[in-house]
Amino acid sequence: MKVITLCGSMKFEKEMKKVAFTLETKYNMCVLQCVYNEDNLEITKDEITALNNAHFEKIKISDAIYVVNFQEYIGEQVKKEIEFAKSLGKEVIYHTQFIAR
């Protein structure tokens, strides 16, 4: 079983949850997800930093990252996550390519 960290824009939050479900139930992957702010709480700069640090730690312990790039969109934060994963020699899987195979 491959351990992956899901990376994508929060504007696709709903879709990312569905992708995670599909990857775990149909593709034998263990998905580490980002933390969703479903209650739209106010977040301080320190909390944003803590969330970002935790996400990069998830990338470190993963075999790969799975980039949810609906409409070919990849935001600035996800670009940083991709570069970080590549610097660690992690596999980068793009949703638009994975579902097409």
N, C-alpha and C. Protein backbone atom coordinates (compact mmCIF):
# COMPACT_ATOMS: atom_id res chain seq x y z
N MET A 1 0.84 -1.18 0.00
CA MET A 1 0.00 0.00 0.00
C MET A 1 0.88 1.24 0.00
N LYS A 2 0.60 2.14 -0.93
CA LYS A 2 1.36 3.38 -1.05
C LYS A 2 0.74 4.44 -0.14
N VAL A 3 1.59 5.14 0.63
CA VAL A 3 1.15 6.25 1.47
C VAL A 3 1.36 7.54 0.68
N ILE A 4 0.28 8.31 0.53
CA ILE A 4 0.38 9.55 -0.23
C ILE A 4 -0.17 10.72 0.59
N THR A 5 0.35 11.90 0.30
CA THR A 5 -0.20 13.13 0.86
C THR A 5 -0.96 13.83 -0.24
N LEU A 6 -2.19 14.18 0.06
CA LEU A 6 -3.04 14.88 -0.90
C LEU A 6 -2.69 16.37 -0.88
N CYS A 7 -2.45 16.93 -2.05
CA CYS A 7 -2.11 18.35 -2.18
C CYS A 7 -3.05 18.97 -3.20
N GLY A 8 -3.61 20.12 -2.86
CA GLY A 8 -4.49 20.80 -3.79
C GLY A 8 -5.06 22.07 -3.20
N SER A 9 -5.66 22.86 -4.03
CA SER A 9 -6.25 24.12 -3.62
C SER A 9 -7.49 23.88 -2.77
N MET A 10 -7.65 24.69 -1.73
CA MET A 10 -8.83 24.57 -0.88
C MET A 10 -10.11 24.94 -1.62
N LYS A 11 -9.99 25.56 -2.78
CA LYS A 11 -11.21 25.82 -3.54
C LYS A 11 -11.80 24.51 -4.08
N PHE A 12 -11.01 23.43 -4.03
CA PHE A 12 -11.48 22.10 -4.43
C PHE A 12 -11.63 21.17 -3.22
N GLU A 13 -11.89 21.75 -2.07
CA GLU A 13 -11.98 20.99 -0.82
C GLU A 13 -12.95 19.81 -0.91
N LYS A 14 -14.12 20.07 -1.40
CA LYS A 14 -15.15 19.02 -1.50
C LYS A 14 -14.67 17.89 -2.43
N GLU A 15 -14.11 18.27 -3.56
CA GLU A 15 -13.63 17.28 -4.52
C GLU A 15 -12.44 16.49 -3.96
N MET A 16 -11.59 17.16 -3.19
CA MET A 16 -10.42 16.48 -2.61
C MET A 16 -10.84 15.38 -1.64
N LYS A 17 -11.90 15.61 -0.91
CA LYS A 17 -12.40 14.58 0.01
C LYS A 17 -12.89 13.36 -0.78
N LYS A 18 -13.55 13.61 -1.90
CA LYS A 18 -14.02 12.51 -2.75
C LYS A 18 -12.85 11.75 -3.36
N VAL A 19 -11.84 12.48 -3.79
CA VAL A 19 -10.64 11.86 -4.36
C VAL A 19 -9.98 10.96 -3.32
N ALA A 20 -9.86 11.45 -2.09
CA ALA A 20 -9.24 10.65 -1.02
C ALA A 20 -10.01 9.35 -0.80
N PHE A 21 -11.32 9.43 -0.77
CA PHE A 21 -12.15 8.25 -0.59
C PHE A 21 -11.92 7.24 -1.71
N THR A 22 -11.89 7.74 -2.94
CA THR A 22 -11.69 6.87 -4.09
C THR A 22 -10.31 6.22 -4.07
N LEU A 23 -9.28 6.98 -3.74
CA LEU A 23 -7.93 6.43 -3.71
C LEU A 23 -7.80 5.33 -2.67
N GLU A 24 -8.43 5.52 -1.52
CA GLU A 24 -8.33 4.50 -0.47
C GLU A 24 -9.19 3.28 -0.76
N THR A 25 -10.36 3.48 -1.35
CA THR A 25 -11.26 2.35 -1.56
C THR A 25 -11.03 1.60 -2.87
N LYS A 26 -10.45 2.26 -3.86
CA LYS A 26 -10.31 1.62 -5.18
C LYS A 26 -8.87 1.46 -5.65
N TYR A 27 -7.93 2.18 -5.05
CA TYR A 27 -6.55 2.15 -5.54
C TYR A 27 -5.53 1.73 -4.49
N ASN A 28 -5.98 1.21 -3.36
CA ASN A 28 -5.09 0.67 -2.34
C ASN A 28 -4.04 1.69 -1.88
N MET A 29 -4.47 2.91 -1.65
CA MET A 29 -3.58 3.96 -1.17
C MET A 29 -4.03 4.41 0.22
N CYS A 30 -3.06 4.77 1.04
CA CYS A 30 -3.34 5.36 2.35
C CYS A 30 -3.13 6.86 2.20
N VAL A 31 -4.20 7.64 2.38
CA VAL A 31 -4.17 9.07 2.08
C VAL A 31 -4.01 9.90 3.35
N LEU A 32 -2.95 10.73 3.36
CA LEU A 32 -2.79 11.74 4.40
C LEU A 32 -3.31 13.03 3.82
N GLN A 33 -4.31 13.61 4.46
CA GLN A 33 -4.94 14.80 3.92
C GLN A 33 -4.51 16.05 4.68
N CYS A 34 -4.77 17.18 4.06
CA CYS A 34 -4.59 18.44 4.74
C CYS A 34 -5.73 18.61 5.74
N VAL A 35 -5.63 19.60 6.58
CA VAL A 35 -6.68 19.89 7.54
C VAL A 35 -7.63 20.88 6.91
N TYR A 36 -8.91 20.55 6.95
CA TYR A 36 -9.93 21.42 6.35
C TYR A 36 -10.53 22.31 7.44
N ASN A 37 -10.68 23.57 7.14
CA ASN A 37 -11.29 24.53 8.07
C ASN A 37 -12.78 24.63 7.74
N GLU A 38 -13.50 23.56 8.01
CA GLU A 38 -14.89 23.47 7.61
C GLU A 38 -15.80 24.46 8.34
N ASP A 39 -15.36 24.90 9.51
CA ASP A 39 -16.16 25.86 10.28
C ASP A 39 -15.77 27.31 9.97
N ASN A 40 -14.86 27.49 9.02
CA ASN A 40 -14.39 28.82 8.64
C ASN A 40 -13.95 29.66 9.83
N LEU A 41 -13.16 29.05 10.70
CA LEU A 41 -12.64 29.74 11.88
C LEU A 41 -11.58 30.75 11.48
N GLU A 42 -11.45 31.79 12.26
CA GLU A 42 -10.35 32.74 12.07
C GLU A 42 -9.05 32.01 12.38
N ILE A 43 -8.06 32.15 11.52
CA ILE A 43 -6.79 31.45 11.70
C ILE A 43 -5.68 32.50 11.79
N THR A 44 -4.87 32.36 12.83
CA THR A 44 -3.75 33.29 13.01
C THR A 44 -2.59 32.90 12.11
N LYS A 45 -1.64 33.80 11.96
CA LYS A 45 -0.44 33.50 11.17
C LYS A 45 0.32 32.32 11.76
N ASP A 46 0.37 32.25 13.09
CA ASP A 46 1.06 31.13 13.74
C ASP A 46 0.35 29.81 13.45
N GLU A 47 -0.97 29.82 13.42
CA GLU A 47 -1.71 28.60 13.12
C GLU A 47 -1.52 28.19 11.66
N ILE A 48 -1.47 29.17 10.77
CA ILE A 48 -1.20 28.87 9.36
C ILE A 48 0.18 28.24 9.21
N THR A 49 1.15 28.79 9.91
CA THR A 49 2.51 28.23 9.88
C THR A 49 2.51 26.81 10.42
N ALA A 50 1.80 26.57 11.52
CA ALA A 50 1.73 25.22 12.10
C ALA A 50 1.09 24.23 11.12
N LEU A 51 0.02 24.66 10.45
CA LEU A 51 -0.64 23.78 9.47
C LEU A 51 0.28 23.48 8.29
N ASN A 52 0.97 24.50 7.82
CA ASN A 52 1.91 24.30 6.70
C ASN A 52 3.04 23.35 7.11
N ASN A 53 3.59 23.55 8.30
CA ASN A 53 4.67 22.67 8.78
C ASN A 53 4.19 21.23 8.89
N ALA A 54 2.98 21.05 9.41
CA ALA A 54 2.43 19.69 9.54
C ALA A 54 2.26 19.05 8.16
N HIS A 55 1.82 19.85 7.20
CA HIS A 55 1.61 19.31 5.85
C HIS A 55 2.93 18.87 5.23
N PHE A 56 3.98 19.66 5.43
CA PHE A 56 5.29 19.28 4.90
C PHE A 56 5.83 18.03 5.61
N GLU A 57 5.51 17.86 6.88
CA GLU A 57 5.89 16.63 7.58
C GLU A 57 5.17 15.42 6.99
N LYS A 58 3.91 15.61 6.62
CA LYS A 58 3.17 14.53 5.96
C LYS A 58 3.84 14.13 4.65
N ILE A 59 4.30 15.13 3.92
CA ILE A 59 5.01 14.85 2.67
C ILE A 59 6.27 14.04 2.95
N LYS A 60 6.99 14.39 4.01
CA LYS A 60 8.22 13.67 4.35
C LYS A 60 7.97 12.19 4.60
N ILE A 61 6.87 11.86 5.25
CA ILE A 61 6.64 10.46 5.61
C ILE A 61 5.87 9.69 4.54
N SER A 62 5.49 10.37 3.47
CA SER A 62 4.75 9.73 2.39
C SER A 62 5.68 9.12 1.35
N ASP A 63 5.13 8.19 0.60
CA ASP A 63 5.84 7.63 -0.56
C ASP A 63 5.73 8.58 -1.75
N ALA A 64 4.63 9.34 -1.78
CA ALA A 64 4.34 10.21 -2.92
C ALA A 64 3.39 11.31 -2.49
N ILE A 65 3.24 12.32 -3.37
CA ILE A 65 2.16 13.26 -3.19
C ILE A 65 1.20 13.09 -4.36
N TYR A 66 -0.05 13.37 -4.10
CA TYR A 66 -1.10 13.28 -5.12
C TYR A 66 -1.66 14.68 -5.28
N VAL A 67 -1.39 15.27 -6.43
CA VAL A 67 -1.78 16.65 -6.69
C VAL A 67 -3.16 16.67 -7.34
N VAL A 68 -4.12 17.25 -6.63
CA VAL A 68 -5.48 17.39 -7.14
C VAL A 68 -5.49 18.68 -7.95
N ASN A 69 -5.33 18.53 -9.25
CA ASN A 69 -5.19 19.68 -10.15
C ASN A 69 -6.37 19.77 -11.11
N PHE A 70 -7.56 19.88 -10.54
CA PHE A 70 -8.76 20.06 -11.35
C PHE A 70 -8.59 21.30 -12.22
N GLN A 71 -9.10 21.22 -13.42
CA GLN A 71 -9.01 22.32 -14.38
C GLN A 71 -7.55 22.75 -14.59
N GLU A 72 -6.63 21.78 -14.36
CA GLU A 72 -5.18 22.02 -14.50
C GLU A 72 -4.66 23.10 -13.56
N TYR A 73 -5.44 23.45 -12.52
CA TYR A 73 -5.04 24.52 -11.60
C TYR A 73 -4.09 23.99 -10.53
N ILE A 74 -2.96 24.68 -10.38
CA ILE A 74 -2.01 24.42 -9.30
C ILE A 74 -1.61 25.77 -8.72
N GLY A 75 -2.00 26.00 -7.46
CA GLY A 75 -1.71 27.27 -6.80
C GLY A 75 -0.27 27.36 -6.32
N GLU A 76 0.09 28.52 -5.82
CA GLU A 76 1.47 28.78 -5.38
C GLU A 76 1.89 27.86 -4.24
N GLN A 77 1.02 27.62 -3.26
CA GLN A 77 1.39 26.75 -2.14
C GLN A 77 1.63 25.32 -2.63
N VAL A 78 0.78 24.85 -3.51
CA VAL A 78 0.94 23.48 -4.03
C VAL A 78 2.21 23.38 -4.87
N LYS A 79 2.57 24.43 -5.59
CA LYS A 79 3.83 24.43 -6.33
C LYS A 79 5.01 24.24 -5.37
N LYS A 80 4.95 24.89 -4.20
CA LYS A 80 6.00 24.71 -3.18
C LYS A 80 6.02 23.28 -2.67
N GLU A 81 4.84 22.70 -2.48
CA GLU A 81 4.75 21.32 -2.00
C GLU A 81 5.31 20.36 -3.04
N ILE A 82 5.06 20.61 -4.30
CA ILE A 82 5.59 19.76 -5.38
C ILE A 82 7.12 19.84 -5.38
N GLU A 83 7.66 21.03 -5.31
CA GLU A 83 9.12 21.20 -5.31
C GLU A 83 9.74 20.54 -4.09
N PHE A 84 9.09 20.66 -2.94
CA PHE A 84 9.59 20.02 -1.73
C PHE A 84 9.60 18.50 -1.89
N ALA A 85 8.50 17.96 -2.40
CA ALA A 85 8.43 16.51 -2.61
C ALA A 85 9.50 16.04 -3.57
N LYS A 86 9.69 16.77 -4.66
CA LYS A 86 10.73 16.41 -5.63
C LYS A 86 12.12 16.47 -5.00
N SER A 87 12.35 17.46 -4.13
CA SER A 87 13.66 17.58 -3.49
C SER A 87 13.95 16.39 -2.59
N LEU A 88 12.91 15.72 -2.13
CA LEU A 88 13.06 14.53 -1.29
C LEU A 88 13.04 13.24 -2.12
N GLY A 89 12.90 13.37 -3.43
CA GLY A 89 12.84 12.20 -4.29
C GLY A 89 11.51 11.48 -4.25
N LYS A 90 10.45 12.18 -3.85
CA LYS A 90 9.12 11.57 -3.78
C LYS A 90 8.47 11.57 -5.16
N GLU A 91 7.63 10.60 -5.38
CA GLU A 91 6.85 10.54 -6.61
C GLU A 91 5.77 11.63 -6.55
N VAL A 92 5.51 12.26 -7.69
CA VAL A 92 4.44 13.25 -7.78
C VAL A 92 3.41 12.72 -8.77
N ILE A 93 2.20 12.50 -8.27
CA ILE A 93 1.11 11.96 -9.09
C ILE A 93 0.11 13.10 -9.31
N TYR A 94 -0.21 13.36 -10.56
CA TYR A 94 -1.17 14.41 -10.89
C TYR A 94 -2.53 13.78 -11.17
N HIS A 95 -3.56 14.28 -10.53
CA HIS A 95 -4.90 13.73 -10.67
C HIS A 95 -5.34 13.66 -12.12
N THR A 96 -5.11 14.71 -12.88
CA THR A 96 -5.58 14.73 -14.27
C THR A 96 -4.89 13.68 -15.12
N GLN A 97 -3.70 13.26 -14.74
CA GLN A 97 -3.00 12.19 -15.48
C GLN A 97 -3.38 10.82 -14.92
N PHE A 98 -3.56 10.73 -13.61
CA PHE A 98 -3.86 9.45 -12.96
C PHE A 98 -5.22 8.91 -13.40
N ILE A 99 -6.22 9.77 -13.44
CA ILE A 99 -7.56 9.29 -13.78
C ILE A 99 -7.68 8.97 -15.27
N ALA A 100 -6.76 9.50 -16.07
CA ALA A 100 -6.83 9.26 -17.52
C ALA A 100 -6.23 7.92 -17.91
N ARG A 101 -5.53 7.28 -17.01
CA ARG A 101 -4.86 6.02 -17.39
C ARG A 101 -5.76 4.83 -17.35
